[in-house]
Structures are given as C-alpha cells and as structure tokens.
Amino acid sequence: MKEKSYSEIMKASVMKRIKAKESFVLDLYVDMLISEIQLNNKKEKLLSKIDKAIDDRDKLLFLSLTDELKDLNKQFGT
C-alpha cells in the first residue's frame, strides 16, 4: 500500500476545508431562499385577507391585519 506524502495530505486537507466552506455557503443560500419564499407567501395571504376585509368593510379586521403586516415588515426589514 502506498503512503501519501506530507504535501498530498496537506492538499487533501485544504480541499476538504474548501469544500466544507462551499457547502456552508450553499446551505446558507438555500436557507435564505426558503425564508424569502415563506415571507412572500405569508405577505400574499395577508394582503389577500386585507383586500377581503376592505371588500367586507370590516374595519377591525382590516386594522388587525395591517398591524400584522407592519410587524412582518419590521421583522424582516422590508
């Protein structure tokens, strides 16, 4: 069985660290994408409920939903 040289071991170690960093960044990107999709979905639902409250002339529900939308915007900085 052939033993690896020190430089081969070091190269393999560096490559492992590079791949781990790339994997971390990819995982982070996927998490951000999923969060963005969830945020947009929740906003769409809220806006739809707000439109219905306007159509139904339900002022209390409208105010409650718009407060919820404001809080969501604050939470995600949008």
N, C-alpha and C. Protein backbone atom coordinates (compact mmCIF):
# COMPACT_ATOMS: atom_id res chain seq x y z
N MET A 1 0.84 -1.16 0.00
CA MET A 1 0.00 0.00 0.00
C MET A 1 0.90 1.24 0.00
N LYS A 2 0.57 2.19 -0.86
CA LYS A 2 1.37 3.40 -0.99
C LYS A 2 0.93 4.43 0.05
N GLU A 3 1.91 4.96 0.78
CA GLU A 3 1.61 6.01 1.76
C GLU A 3 1.62 7.35 1.06
N LYS A 4 0.76 8.25 1.52
CA LYS A 4 0.70 9.59 0.94
C LYS A 4 1.80 10.46 1.52
N SER A 5 2.31 11.33 0.68
CA SER A 5 3.34 12.25 1.15
C SER A 5 2.69 13.36 1.98
N TYR A 6 3.52 14.08 2.68
CA TYR A 6 3.03 15.18 3.51
C TYR A 6 2.29 16.21 2.66
N SER A 7 2.85 16.55 1.49
CA SER A 7 2.20 17.56 0.64
C SER A 7 0.85 17.06 0.11
N GLU A 8 0.75 15.77 -0.18
CA GLU A 8 -0.54 15.22 -0.63
C GLU A 8 -1.58 15.28 0.48
N ILE A 9 -1.14 14.99 1.71
CA ILE A 9 -2.04 15.05 2.86
C ILE A 9 -2.51 16.48 3.09
N MET A 10 -1.58 17.44 2.98
CA MET A 10 -1.93 18.85 3.17
C MET A 10 -2.89 19.33 2.08
N LYS A 11 -2.64 18.93 0.82
CA LYS A 11 -3.54 19.31 -0.27
C LYS A 11 -4.93 18.76 -0.04
N ALA A 12 -5.00 17.51 0.40
CA ALA A 12 -6.30 16.89 0.67
C ALA A 12 -7.02 17.62 1.81
N SER A 13 -6.27 18.03 2.82
CA SER A 13 -6.85 18.75 3.95
C SER A 13 -7.41 20.10 3.50
N VAL A 14 -6.65 20.82 2.68
CA VAL A 14 -7.10 22.11 2.17
C VAL A 14 -8.35 21.94 1.32
N MET A 15 -8.37 20.94 0.49
CA MET A 15 -9.54 20.70 -0.37
C MET A 15 -10.77 20.39 0.47
N LYS A 16 -10.59 19.64 1.55
CA LYS A 16 -11.72 19.35 2.44
C LYS A 16 -12.28 20.63 3.04
N ARG A 17 -11.39 21.53 3.49
CA ARG A 17 -11.84 22.79 4.08
C ARG A 17 -12.55 23.66 3.05
N ILE A 18 -12.03 23.69 1.83
CA ILE A 18 -12.67 24.49 0.77
C ILE A 18 -14.06 23.95 0.48
N LYS A 19 -14.18 22.63 0.37
CA LYS A 19 -15.48 22.02 0.09
C LYS A 19 -16.45 22.26 1.25
N ALA A 20 -15.95 22.24 2.48
CA ALA A 20 -16.82 22.50 3.64
C ALA A 20 -17.33 23.93 3.61
N LYS A 21 -16.47 24.89 3.25
CA LYS A 21 -16.90 26.28 3.15
C LYS A 21 -17.94 26.46 2.04
N GLU A 22 -17.70 25.83 0.90
CA GLU A 22 -18.64 25.92 -0.21
C GLU A 22 -19.98 25.32 0.19
N SER A 23 -19.95 24.21 0.89
CA SER A 23 -21.18 23.56 1.34
C SER A 23 -21.93 24.46 2.33
N PHE A 24 -21.20 25.11 3.23
CA PHE A 24 -21.82 26.00 4.20
C PHE A 24 -22.51 27.18 3.48
N VAL A 25 -21.82 27.76 2.53
CA VAL A 25 -22.38 28.90 1.80
C VAL A 25 -23.62 28.46 1.02
N LEU A 26 -23.56 27.30 0.41
CA LEU A 26 -24.70 26.78 -0.34
C LEU A 26 -25.89 26.54 0.59
N ASP A 27 -25.64 25.95 1.75
CA ASP A 27 -26.71 25.73 2.74
C ASP A 27 -27.30 27.05 3.21
N LEU A 28 -26.45 28.03 3.42
CA LEU A 28 -26.91 29.35 3.84
C LEU A 28 -27.79 29.99 2.76
N TYR A 29 -27.37 29.86 1.52
CA TYR A 29 -28.15 30.40 0.41
C TYR A 29 -29.51 29.73 0.32
N VAL A 30 -29.55 28.42 0.48
CA VAL A 30 -30.82 27.68 0.42
C VAL A 30 -31.75 28.13 1.55
N ASP A 31 -31.19 28.29 2.75
CA ASP A 31 -32.00 28.75 3.89
C ASP A 31 -32.58 30.15 3.63
N MET A 32 -31.75 31.03 3.06
CA MET A 32 -32.22 32.38 2.75
C MET A 32 -33.33 32.34 1.70
N LEU A 33 -33.17 31.50 0.71
CA LEU A 33 -34.18 31.38 -0.34
C LEU A 33 -35.50 30.87 0.21
N ILE A 34 -35.43 29.86 1.07
CA ILE A 34 -36.65 29.31 1.68
C ILE A 34 -37.33 30.37 2.55
N SER A 35 -36.55 31.12 3.32
CA SER A 35 -37.13 32.18 4.16
C SER A 35 -37.81 33.24 3.31
N GLU A 36 -37.18 33.60 2.20
CA GLU A 36 -37.77 34.61 1.30
C GLU A 36 -39.09 34.11 0.71
N ILE A 37 -39.14 32.85 0.33
CA ILE A 37 -40.37 32.28 -0.22
C ILE A 37 -41.47 32.26 0.84
N GLN A 38 -41.12 31.87 2.07
CA GLN A 38 -42.10 31.84 3.14
C GLN A 38 -42.62 33.24 3.45
N LEU A 39 -41.73 34.22 3.47
CA LEU A 39 -42.13 35.60 3.72
C LEU A 39 -43.09 36.09 2.64
N ASN A 40 -42.73 35.87 1.39
CA ASN A 40 -43.59 36.31 0.29
C ASN A 40 -44.95 35.64 0.33
N ASN A 41 -44.97 34.36 0.67
CA ASN A 41 -46.22 33.62 0.76
C ASN A 41 -47.11 34.19 1.88
N LYS A 42 -46.49 34.44 3.03
CA LYS A 42 -47.26 34.99 4.16
C LYS A 42 -47.78 36.39 3.83
N LYS A 43 -46.95 37.21 3.16
CA LYS A 43 -47.39 38.55 2.78
C LYS A 43 -48.56 38.49 1.80
N GLU A 44 -48.47 37.60 0.82
CA GLU A 44 -49.56 37.46 -0.16
C GLU A 44 -50.87 37.09 0.53
N LYS A 45 -50.80 36.15 1.48
CA LYS A 45 -52.01 35.74 2.20
C LYS A 45 -52.58 36.90 3.01
N LEU A 46 -51.68 37.64 3.69
CA LEU A 46 -52.14 38.79 4.47
C LEU A 46 -52.78 39.85 3.58
N LEU A 47 -52.15 40.14 2.46
CA LEU A 47 -52.70 41.15 1.55
C LEU A 47 -54.05 40.72 1.00
N SER A 48 -54.20 39.43 0.75
CA SER A 48 -55.48 38.91 0.28
C SER A 48 -56.56 39.07 1.36
N LYS A 49 -56.19 38.77 2.61
CA LYS A 49 -57.14 38.94 3.71
C LYS A 49 -57.48 40.41 3.92
N ILE A 50 -56.49 41.29 3.74
CA ILE A 50 -56.73 42.73 3.88
C ILE A 50 -57.72 43.19 2.80
N ASP A 51 -57.51 42.72 1.57
CA ASP A 51 -58.44 43.08 0.48
C ASP A 51 -59.85 42.62 0.79
N LYS A 52 -59.97 41.41 1.35
CA LYS A 52 -61.30 40.89 1.67
C LYS A 52 -61.93 41.71 2.79
N ALA A 53 -61.12 42.10 3.78
CA ALA A 53 -61.65 42.93 4.87
C ALA A 53 -62.13 44.27 4.34
N ILE A 54 -61.43 44.82 3.36
CA ILE A 54 -61.87 46.09 2.74
C ILE A 54 -63.18 45.86 2.01
N ASP A 55 -63.25 44.77 1.24
CA ASP A 55 -64.48 44.48 0.50
C ASP A 55 -65.67 44.28 1.44
N ASP A 56 -65.41 43.64 2.58
CA ASP A 56 -66.46 43.37 3.56
C ASP A 56 -66.71 44.56 4.50
N ARG A 57 -65.92 45.62 4.35
CA ARG A 57 -66.00 46.82 5.18
C ARG A 57 -65.85 46.48 6.67
N ASP A 58 -64.92 45.54 6.94
CA ASP A 58 -64.64 45.11 8.31
C ASP A 58 -63.42 45.89 8.82
N LYS A 59 -63.70 47.01 9.44
CA LYS A 59 -62.63 47.93 9.86
C LYS A 59 -61.72 47.30 10.92
N LEU A 60 -62.30 46.60 11.89
CA LEU A 60 -61.49 46.00 12.96
C LEU A 60 -60.55 44.93 12.41
N LEU A 61 -61.05 44.09 11.53
CA LEU A 61 -60.21 43.06 10.92
C LEU A 61 -59.13 43.71 10.06
N PHE A 62 -59.51 44.74 9.32
CA PHE A 62 -58.55 45.46 8.48
C PHE A 62 -57.41 46.02 9.32
N LEU A 63 -57.74 46.69 10.42
CA LEU A 63 -56.71 47.27 11.28
C LEU A 63 -55.83 46.20 11.90
N SER A 64 -56.42 45.10 12.29
CA SER A 64 -55.66 43.99 12.88
C SER A 64 -54.68 43.40 11.85
N LEU A 65 -55.17 43.18 10.64
CA LEU A 65 -54.33 42.59 9.60
C LEU A 65 -53.22 43.54 9.15
N THR A 66 -53.52 44.82 9.07
CA THR A 66 -52.48 45.77 8.66
C THR A 66 -51.41 45.89 9.75
N ASP A 67 -51.80 45.78 11.01
CA ASP A 67 -50.81 45.76 12.09
C ASP A 67 -49.92 44.53 11.97
N GLU A 68 -50.54 43.42 11.65
CA GLU A 68 -49.77 42.18 11.46
C GLU A 68 -48.80 42.32 10.29
N LEU A 69 -49.24 42.96 9.22
CA LEU A 69 -48.37 43.18 8.07
C LEU A 69 -47.22 44.11 8.42
N LYS A 70 -47.50 45.14 9.19
CA LYS A 70 -46.44 46.06 9.65
C LYS A 70 -45.40 45.32 10.48
N ASP A 71 -45.87 44.47 11.39
CA ASP A 71 -44.96 43.69 12.23
C ASP A 71 -44.10 42.75 11.38
N LEU A 72 -44.73 42.13 10.39
CA LEU A 72 -43.99 41.24 9.50
C LEU A 72 -42.93 42.00 8.73
N ASN A 73 -43.26 43.18 8.26
CA ASN A 73 -42.29 44.01 7.53
C ASN A 73 -41.14 44.44 8.44
N LYS A 74 -41.45 44.77 9.69
CA LYS A 74 -40.40 45.15 10.64
C LYS A 74 -39.47 43.97 10.92
N GLN A 75 -40.10 42.81 11.12
CA GLN A 75 -39.34 41.60 11.45
C GLN A 75 -38.33 41.24 10.36
N PHE A 76 -38.71 41.40 9.11
CA PHE A 76 -37.85 41.01 8.00
C PHE A 76 -37.19 42.18 7.33
N GLY A 77 -37.40 43.38 7.86
CA GLY A 77 -36.72 44.55 7.33
C GLY A 77 -37.11 44.91 5.92
N THR A 78 -38.38 44.69 5.59
CA THR A 78 -38.85 45.02 4.23
C THR A 78 -39.77 46.22 4.27
